[in-house]
N, C-alpha and C. Protein backbone atom coordinates (compact mmCIF):
# COMPACT_ATOMS: atom_id res chain seq x y z
N MET A 1 -33.61 -21.46 33.93
CA MET A 1 -33.58 -20.46 32.88
C MET A 1 -33.80 -19.07 33.49
N VAL A 2 -32.92 -18.16 33.20
CA VAL A 2 -33.02 -16.81 33.74
C VAL A 2 -34.23 -16.11 33.16
N LEU A 3 -35.19 -15.82 34.01
CA LEU A 3 -36.39 -15.07 33.65
C LEU A 3 -37.14 -15.65 32.45
N GLY A 4 -36.92 -16.90 32.12
CA GLY A 4 -37.64 -17.55 31.03
C GLY A 4 -37.25 -17.08 29.65
N PHE A 5 -36.09 -16.45 29.49
CA PHE A 5 -35.69 -15.90 28.20
C PHE A 5 -35.43 -16.98 27.16
N PHE A 6 -34.96 -18.12 27.58
CA PHE A 6 -34.47 -19.09 26.62
C PHE A 6 -35.33 -20.34 26.53
N LYS A 7 -36.62 -20.20 26.71
CA LYS A 7 -37.54 -21.32 26.55
C LYS A 7 -37.71 -21.68 25.08
N GLU A 8 -37.50 -20.71 24.22
CA GLU A 8 -37.60 -20.92 22.79
C GLU A 8 -36.47 -21.81 22.31
N ARG A 9 -36.76 -22.68 21.35
CA ARG A 9 -35.73 -23.54 20.79
C ARG A 9 -34.93 -22.81 19.71
N ASN A 10 -35.53 -21.82 19.11
CA ASN A 10 -34.88 -21.03 18.06
C ASN A 10 -34.07 -19.93 18.73
N PRO A 11 -32.73 -19.90 18.54
CA PRO A 11 -31.90 -18.89 19.21
C PRO A 11 -32.32 -17.45 18.90
N GLU A 12 -32.69 -17.17 17.65
CA GLU A 12 -33.11 -15.80 17.32
C GLU A 12 -34.40 -15.43 18.05
N ALA A 13 -35.33 -16.37 18.14
CA ALA A 13 -36.58 -16.11 18.85
C ALA A 13 -36.31 -15.91 20.34
N ALA A 14 -35.39 -16.68 20.89
CA ALA A 14 -35.06 -16.53 22.31
C ALA A 14 -34.44 -15.16 22.57
N LEU A 15 -33.54 -14.72 21.69
CA LEU A 15 -32.91 -13.42 21.84
C LEU A 15 -33.95 -12.31 21.70
N ASP A 16 -34.83 -12.43 20.70
CA ASP A 16 -35.90 -11.44 20.53
C ASP A 16 -36.78 -11.39 21.78
N ASN A 17 -37.11 -12.55 22.34
CA ASN A 17 -37.93 -12.63 23.55
C ASN A 17 -37.24 -11.91 24.70
N MET A 18 -35.94 -12.14 24.87
CA MET A 18 -35.20 -11.49 25.94
C MET A 18 -35.19 -9.97 25.74
N ILE A 19 -34.94 -9.51 24.53
CA ILE A 19 -34.90 -8.07 24.26
C ILE A 19 -36.26 -7.43 24.54
N ILE A 20 -37.32 -8.08 24.13
CA ILE A 20 -38.67 -7.55 24.38
C ILE A 20 -38.95 -7.46 25.87
N ARG A 21 -38.57 -8.50 26.62
CA ARG A 21 -38.81 -8.49 28.07
C ARG A 21 -37.98 -7.43 28.79
N MET A 22 -36.77 -7.19 28.30
CA MET A 22 -35.91 -6.22 28.96
C MET A 22 -36.20 -4.78 28.55
N TYR A 23 -36.51 -4.58 27.25
CA TYR A 23 -36.61 -3.22 26.73
C TYR A 23 -38.01 -2.86 26.21
N GLY A 24 -38.93 -3.82 26.20
CA GLY A 24 -40.30 -3.53 25.81
C GLY A 24 -40.59 -3.72 24.34
N SER A 25 -39.58 -3.69 23.48
CA SER A 25 -39.78 -3.91 22.05
C SER A 25 -38.44 -4.22 21.41
N LEU A 26 -38.50 -4.58 20.15
CA LEU A 26 -37.27 -4.85 19.40
C LEU A 26 -36.72 -3.59 18.76
N SER A 27 -37.46 -2.50 18.83
CA SER A 27 -37.08 -1.29 18.10
C SER A 27 -36.10 -0.38 18.84
N HIS A 28 -35.68 -0.76 20.03
CA HIS A 28 -34.73 0.08 20.77
C HIS A 28 -33.38 0.11 20.08
N GLU A 29 -32.79 1.29 20.04
CA GLU A 29 -31.45 1.44 19.47
C GLU A 29 -30.42 1.27 20.58
N LYS A 30 -29.28 0.75 20.20
CA LYS A 30 -28.17 0.60 21.14
C LYS A 30 -27.63 1.99 21.43
N THR A 31 -27.63 2.38 22.70
CA THR A 31 -27.14 3.71 23.08
C THR A 31 -25.84 3.63 23.86
N ALA A 32 -25.32 2.43 24.04
CA ALA A 32 -24.12 2.25 24.86
C ALA A 32 -22.90 2.92 24.25
N ASN A 33 -22.13 3.52 25.11
CA ASN A 33 -20.82 4.04 24.77
C ASN A 33 -19.85 2.93 25.21
N LEU A 34 -19.26 2.23 24.24
CA LEU A 34 -18.43 1.07 24.52
C LEU A 34 -17.27 1.40 25.46
N GLU A 35 -16.55 2.46 25.17
CA GLU A 35 -15.39 2.81 26.00
C GLU A 35 -15.81 3.15 27.43
N LYS A 36 -16.87 3.94 27.56
CA LYS A 36 -17.34 4.33 28.89
C LYS A 36 -17.86 3.11 29.66
N ALA A 37 -18.60 2.24 28.99
CA ALA A 37 -19.12 1.03 29.65
C ALA A 37 -17.98 0.15 30.14
N SER A 38 -16.96 0.02 29.33
CA SER A 38 -15.79 -0.77 29.71
C SER A 38 -15.12 -0.18 30.95
N GLN A 39 -14.98 1.14 30.99
CA GLN A 39 -14.37 1.81 32.14
C GLN A 39 -15.23 1.66 33.40
N ILE A 40 -16.54 1.78 33.25
CA ILE A 40 -17.44 1.63 34.40
C ILE A 40 -17.34 0.21 34.95
N ALA A 41 -17.36 -0.77 34.06
CA ALA A 41 -17.26 -2.16 34.49
C ALA A 41 -15.93 -2.39 35.21
N PHE A 42 -14.85 -1.92 34.62
CA PHE A 42 -13.51 -2.13 35.18
C PHE A 42 -13.35 -1.44 36.53
N ARG A 43 -13.68 -0.17 36.57
CA ARG A 43 -13.40 0.64 37.76
C ARG A 43 -14.50 0.54 38.82
N ASP A 44 -15.75 0.75 38.42
CA ASP A 44 -16.84 0.90 39.38
C ASP A 44 -17.50 -0.41 39.80
N LEU A 45 -17.49 -1.41 38.94
CA LEU A 45 -18.17 -2.67 39.27
C LEU A 45 -17.19 -3.78 39.66
N LEU A 46 -16.09 -3.87 38.95
CA LEU A 46 -15.10 -4.92 39.23
C LEU A 46 -13.94 -4.41 40.09
N CYS A 47 -13.98 -3.14 40.44
CA CYS A 47 -13.00 -2.53 41.36
C CYS A 47 -11.55 -2.79 40.94
N GLU A 48 -11.33 -2.79 39.63
CA GLU A 48 -9.99 -2.98 39.05
C GLU A 48 -9.35 -4.30 39.45
N CYS A 49 -10.19 -5.29 39.79
CA CYS A 49 -9.69 -6.63 40.19
C CYS A 49 -9.45 -7.54 38.98
N ILE A 50 -9.91 -7.14 37.82
CA ILE A 50 -9.76 -7.93 36.60
C ILE A 50 -8.90 -7.12 35.64
N ASP A 51 -8.05 -7.80 34.92
CA ASP A 51 -7.19 -7.13 33.95
C ASP A 51 -8.05 -6.27 33.01
N GLN A 52 -7.64 -5.03 32.83
CA GLN A 52 -8.43 -4.09 32.04
C GLN A 52 -8.62 -4.55 30.60
N THR A 53 -7.63 -5.20 30.03
CA THR A 53 -7.75 -5.70 28.66
C THR A 53 -8.82 -6.77 28.56
N LEU A 54 -8.92 -7.64 29.57
CA LEU A 54 -9.97 -8.67 29.58
C LEU A 54 -11.35 -8.02 29.64
N VAL A 55 -11.46 -6.98 30.45
CA VAL A 55 -12.74 -6.26 30.57
C VAL A 55 -13.09 -5.59 29.24
N GLN A 56 -12.13 -4.94 28.63
CA GLN A 56 -12.37 -4.28 27.34
C GLN A 56 -12.77 -5.30 26.27
N ASN A 57 -12.11 -6.43 26.26
CA ASN A 57 -12.44 -7.48 25.27
C ASN A 57 -13.85 -8.01 25.47
N LYS A 58 -14.24 -8.24 26.72
CA LYS A 58 -15.60 -8.73 27.01
C LYS A 58 -16.62 -7.66 26.62
N ALA A 59 -16.32 -6.40 26.89
CA ALA A 59 -17.23 -5.32 26.51
C ALA A 59 -17.42 -5.28 25.00
N ALA A 60 -16.34 -5.39 24.26
CA ALA A 60 -16.42 -5.38 22.79
C ALA A 60 -17.21 -6.57 22.28
N GLU A 61 -17.01 -7.72 22.89
CA GLU A 61 -17.74 -8.93 22.50
C GLU A 61 -19.25 -8.75 22.71
N LEU A 62 -19.63 -8.25 23.88
CA LEU A 62 -21.05 -8.06 24.17
C LEU A 62 -21.65 -6.92 23.34
N PHE A 63 -20.88 -5.88 23.11
CA PHE A 63 -21.34 -4.74 22.32
C PHE A 63 -21.68 -5.18 20.89
N ALA A 64 -20.97 -6.16 20.38
CA ALA A 64 -21.19 -6.65 19.01
C ALA A 64 -22.50 -7.42 18.87
N GLU A 65 -23.08 -7.86 19.98
CA GLU A 65 -24.35 -8.57 19.93
C GLU A 65 -25.49 -7.60 19.63
N PRO A 66 -26.63 -8.11 19.19
CA PRO A 66 -27.73 -7.22 18.80
C PRO A 66 -28.56 -6.66 19.96
N ILE A 67 -28.15 -6.88 21.19
CA ILE A 67 -28.90 -6.39 22.34
C ILE A 67 -28.74 -4.87 22.42
N PRO A 68 -29.85 -4.13 22.57
CA PRO A 68 -29.78 -2.66 22.57
C PRO A 68 -29.36 -2.09 23.92
N TYR A 69 -28.15 -2.40 24.33
CA TYR A 69 -27.65 -1.97 25.63
C TYR A 69 -27.58 -0.45 25.76
N SER A 70 -27.84 0.02 26.98
CA SER A 70 -27.43 1.37 27.37
C SER A 70 -26.00 1.21 27.89
N THR A 71 -25.34 2.29 28.20
CA THR A 71 -23.97 2.21 28.71
C THR A 71 -23.92 1.43 30.02
N ASN A 72 -24.84 1.73 30.94
CA ASN A 72 -24.85 1.01 32.21
C ASN A 72 -25.26 -0.45 32.06
N ASP A 73 -26.19 -0.74 31.15
CA ASP A 73 -26.56 -2.14 30.89
C ASP A 73 -25.35 -2.92 30.40
N LEU A 74 -24.59 -2.32 29.49
CA LEU A 74 -23.41 -3.00 28.96
C LEU A 74 -22.37 -3.19 30.06
N ALA A 75 -22.12 -2.17 30.85
CA ALA A 75 -21.15 -2.29 31.95
C ALA A 75 -21.57 -3.39 32.91
N LEU A 76 -22.85 -3.44 33.24
CA LEU A 76 -23.36 -4.46 34.16
C LEU A 76 -23.21 -5.85 33.55
N SER A 77 -23.50 -5.98 32.28
CA SER A 77 -23.38 -7.28 31.61
C SER A 77 -21.94 -7.75 31.55
N VAL A 78 -21.02 -6.83 31.34
CA VAL A 78 -19.60 -7.17 31.32
C VAL A 78 -19.17 -7.67 32.70
N ALA A 79 -19.50 -6.92 33.73
CA ALA A 79 -19.14 -7.33 35.09
C ALA A 79 -19.78 -8.67 35.44
N PHE A 80 -21.03 -8.84 35.04
CA PHE A 80 -21.79 -10.07 35.30
C PHE A 80 -21.01 -11.29 34.79
N ALA A 81 -20.43 -11.17 33.61
CA ALA A 81 -19.69 -12.28 33.03
C ALA A 81 -18.51 -12.69 33.93
N PHE A 82 -17.85 -11.75 34.53
CA PHE A 82 -16.72 -12.06 35.41
C PHE A 82 -17.19 -12.56 36.77
N PHE A 83 -18.25 -11.98 37.30
CA PHE A 83 -18.76 -12.43 38.60
C PHE A 83 -19.26 -13.88 38.53
N LYS A 84 -19.77 -14.29 37.39
CA LYS A 84 -20.30 -15.65 37.26
C LYS A 84 -19.21 -16.70 37.07
N ASP A 85 -17.98 -16.31 36.86
CA ASP A 85 -16.88 -17.24 36.65
C ASP A 85 -16.44 -17.81 38.00
N PRO A 86 -16.68 -19.12 38.23
CA PRO A 86 -16.35 -19.72 39.54
C PRO A 86 -14.90 -19.53 39.97
N SER A 87 -13.99 -19.45 39.03
CA SER A 87 -12.58 -19.28 39.40
C SER A 87 -12.30 -17.89 39.97
N ARG A 88 -13.25 -16.98 39.87
CA ARG A 88 -13.05 -15.61 40.35
C ARG A 88 -13.86 -15.28 41.59
N TYR A 89 -14.64 -16.23 42.11
CA TYR A 89 -15.52 -15.94 43.25
C TYR A 89 -14.77 -15.34 44.43
N GLU A 90 -13.72 -16.00 44.88
CA GLU A 90 -13.00 -15.52 46.06
C GLU A 90 -12.35 -14.17 45.78
N TYR A 91 -11.83 -14.01 44.61
CA TYR A 91 -11.14 -12.79 44.21
C TYR A 91 -12.09 -11.59 44.12
N LEU A 92 -13.34 -11.85 43.75
CA LEU A 92 -14.31 -10.77 43.55
C LEU A 92 -15.33 -10.63 44.68
N LYS A 93 -15.07 -11.31 45.79
CA LYS A 93 -16.03 -11.31 46.89
C LYS A 93 -16.36 -9.89 47.37
N GLU A 94 -15.37 -9.07 47.57
CA GLU A 94 -15.62 -7.70 48.04
C GLU A 94 -16.16 -6.81 46.92
N ALA A 95 -15.67 -7.00 45.72
CA ALA A 95 -16.13 -6.18 44.60
C ALA A 95 -17.62 -6.37 44.33
N GLN A 96 -18.13 -7.59 44.52
CA GLN A 96 -19.54 -7.83 44.24
C GLN A 96 -20.44 -7.02 45.16
N MET A 97 -20.01 -6.78 46.38
CA MET A 97 -20.82 -5.97 47.30
C MET A 97 -20.89 -4.52 46.80
N ILE A 98 -19.76 -4.00 46.35
CA ILE A 98 -19.71 -2.64 45.82
C ILE A 98 -20.56 -2.54 44.55
N ALA A 99 -20.46 -3.55 43.69
CA ALA A 99 -21.24 -3.56 42.44
C ALA A 99 -22.73 -3.58 42.74
N ARG A 100 -23.13 -4.35 43.73
CA ARG A 100 -24.55 -4.43 44.08
C ARG A 100 -25.06 -3.10 44.63
N LEU A 101 -24.23 -2.39 45.38
CA LEU A 101 -24.62 -1.06 45.87
C LEU A 101 -24.76 -0.07 44.72
N ARG A 102 -23.83 -0.13 43.78
CA ARG A 102 -23.89 0.73 42.60
C ARG A 102 -25.18 0.45 41.83
N LEU A 103 -25.51 -0.84 41.72
CA LEU A 103 -26.71 -1.24 41.00
C LEU A 103 -27.97 -0.64 41.62
N VAL A 104 -28.04 -0.60 42.93
CA VAL A 104 -29.20 -0.01 43.61
C VAL A 104 -29.39 1.43 43.17
N LYS A 105 -28.30 2.18 43.09
CA LYS A 105 -28.37 3.58 42.66
C LYS A 105 -28.85 3.68 41.22
N TRP A 106 -28.36 2.78 40.36
CA TRP A 106 -28.77 2.79 38.95
C TRP A 106 -30.25 2.46 38.80
N VAL A 107 -30.73 1.49 39.58
CA VAL A 107 -32.15 1.13 39.51
C VAL A 107 -32.99 2.32 39.96
N GLU A 108 -32.59 2.96 41.06
CA GLU A 108 -33.32 4.13 41.56
C GLU A 108 -33.33 5.26 40.53
N ALA A 109 -32.25 5.41 39.78
CA ALA A 109 -32.15 6.47 38.78
C ALA A 109 -32.78 6.07 37.44
N GLY A 110 -33.15 4.79 37.31
CA GLY A 110 -33.73 4.31 36.05
C GLY A 110 -32.72 4.21 34.92
N SER A 111 -31.44 4.03 35.26
CA SER A 111 -30.40 4.01 34.22
C SER A 111 -29.93 2.61 33.85
N VAL A 112 -30.69 1.60 34.24
CA VAL A 112 -30.36 0.22 33.89
C VAL A 112 -31.69 -0.53 33.72
N ALA A 113 -31.71 -1.49 32.80
CA ALA A 113 -32.92 -2.29 32.57
C ALA A 113 -33.22 -3.11 33.82
N LYS A 114 -34.44 -2.98 34.33
CA LYS A 114 -34.80 -3.66 35.58
C LYS A 114 -34.66 -5.18 35.50
N PRO A 115 -35.06 -5.84 34.42
CA PRO A 115 -34.86 -7.31 34.38
C PRO A 115 -33.39 -7.71 34.45
N LEU A 116 -32.52 -6.92 33.83
CA LEU A 116 -31.09 -7.20 33.91
C LEU A 116 -30.59 -6.99 35.33
N ALA A 117 -31.02 -5.91 35.95
CA ALA A 117 -30.64 -5.63 37.34
C ALA A 117 -31.12 -6.74 38.26
N MET A 118 -32.33 -7.20 38.06
CA MET A 118 -32.87 -8.27 38.89
C MET A 118 -32.08 -9.57 38.71
N ALA A 119 -31.77 -9.91 37.47
CA ALA A 119 -30.98 -11.12 37.20
C ALA A 119 -29.60 -11.01 37.85
N PHE A 120 -28.98 -9.84 37.76
CA PHE A 120 -27.67 -9.60 38.35
C PHE A 120 -27.74 -9.81 39.86
N GLU A 121 -28.70 -9.17 40.50
CA GLU A 121 -28.83 -9.24 41.96
C GLU A 121 -29.13 -10.67 42.42
N ILE A 122 -30.07 -11.33 41.79
CA ILE A 122 -30.42 -12.70 42.18
C ILE A 122 -29.23 -13.63 42.01
N THR A 123 -28.55 -13.53 40.89
CA THR A 123 -27.42 -14.41 40.62
C THR A 123 -26.28 -14.15 41.60
N LEU A 124 -25.94 -12.89 41.83
CA LEU A 124 -24.86 -12.61 42.77
C LEU A 124 -25.22 -13.02 44.18
N CYS A 125 -26.46 -12.86 44.55
CA CYS A 125 -26.89 -13.29 45.88
C CYS A 125 -26.71 -14.80 46.03
N GLU A 126 -27.04 -15.56 44.99
CA GLU A 126 -26.86 -17.01 45.03
C GLU A 126 -25.38 -17.40 45.03
N LEU A 127 -24.58 -16.72 44.23
CA LEU A 127 -23.17 -17.07 44.11
C LEU A 127 -22.37 -16.69 45.34
N PHE A 128 -22.72 -15.57 45.95
CA PHE A 128 -21.96 -15.07 47.09
C PHE A 128 -22.88 -15.08 48.32
N LYS A 129 -23.42 -16.25 48.65
CA LYS A 129 -24.43 -16.40 49.70
C LYS A 129 -24.07 -15.72 51.01
N ARG A 130 -22.84 -15.75 51.40
CA ARG A 130 -22.45 -15.14 52.69
C ARG A 130 -22.64 -13.63 52.67
N ALA A 131 -22.75 -13.03 51.51
CA ALA A 131 -22.90 -11.57 51.41
C ALA A 131 -24.34 -11.12 51.41
N CYS A 132 -25.29 -12.05 51.39
CA CYS A 132 -26.72 -11.68 51.32
C CYS A 132 -27.31 -11.48 52.70
């Protein structure tokens, strides 16, 4: 289980638990700019290796969830979904290194939720072991 978010049997309680751990409370408002997050994921994290329409669709799907994403959190979550797809590992091998470097800058700037950044880094390190 990623960071213990889903120990709860009740899906709403699990989601609330994850939001609290990532953002500190349930009262955070979603500040993500959907279009900008989609572009960041497509261009800066996935290096245009994934069809832009697929990226936009995934961004819209995640944006519709109740998670109070920032723009960078949403972009990272969108890219994360594609990086975790086993059929794309070889195709995204180089892009994941660039995404991880971008993530370091975001963490240093405080523009991404640290638990999300940590989950992204740990998961990509495990998936792309030769790059660690």
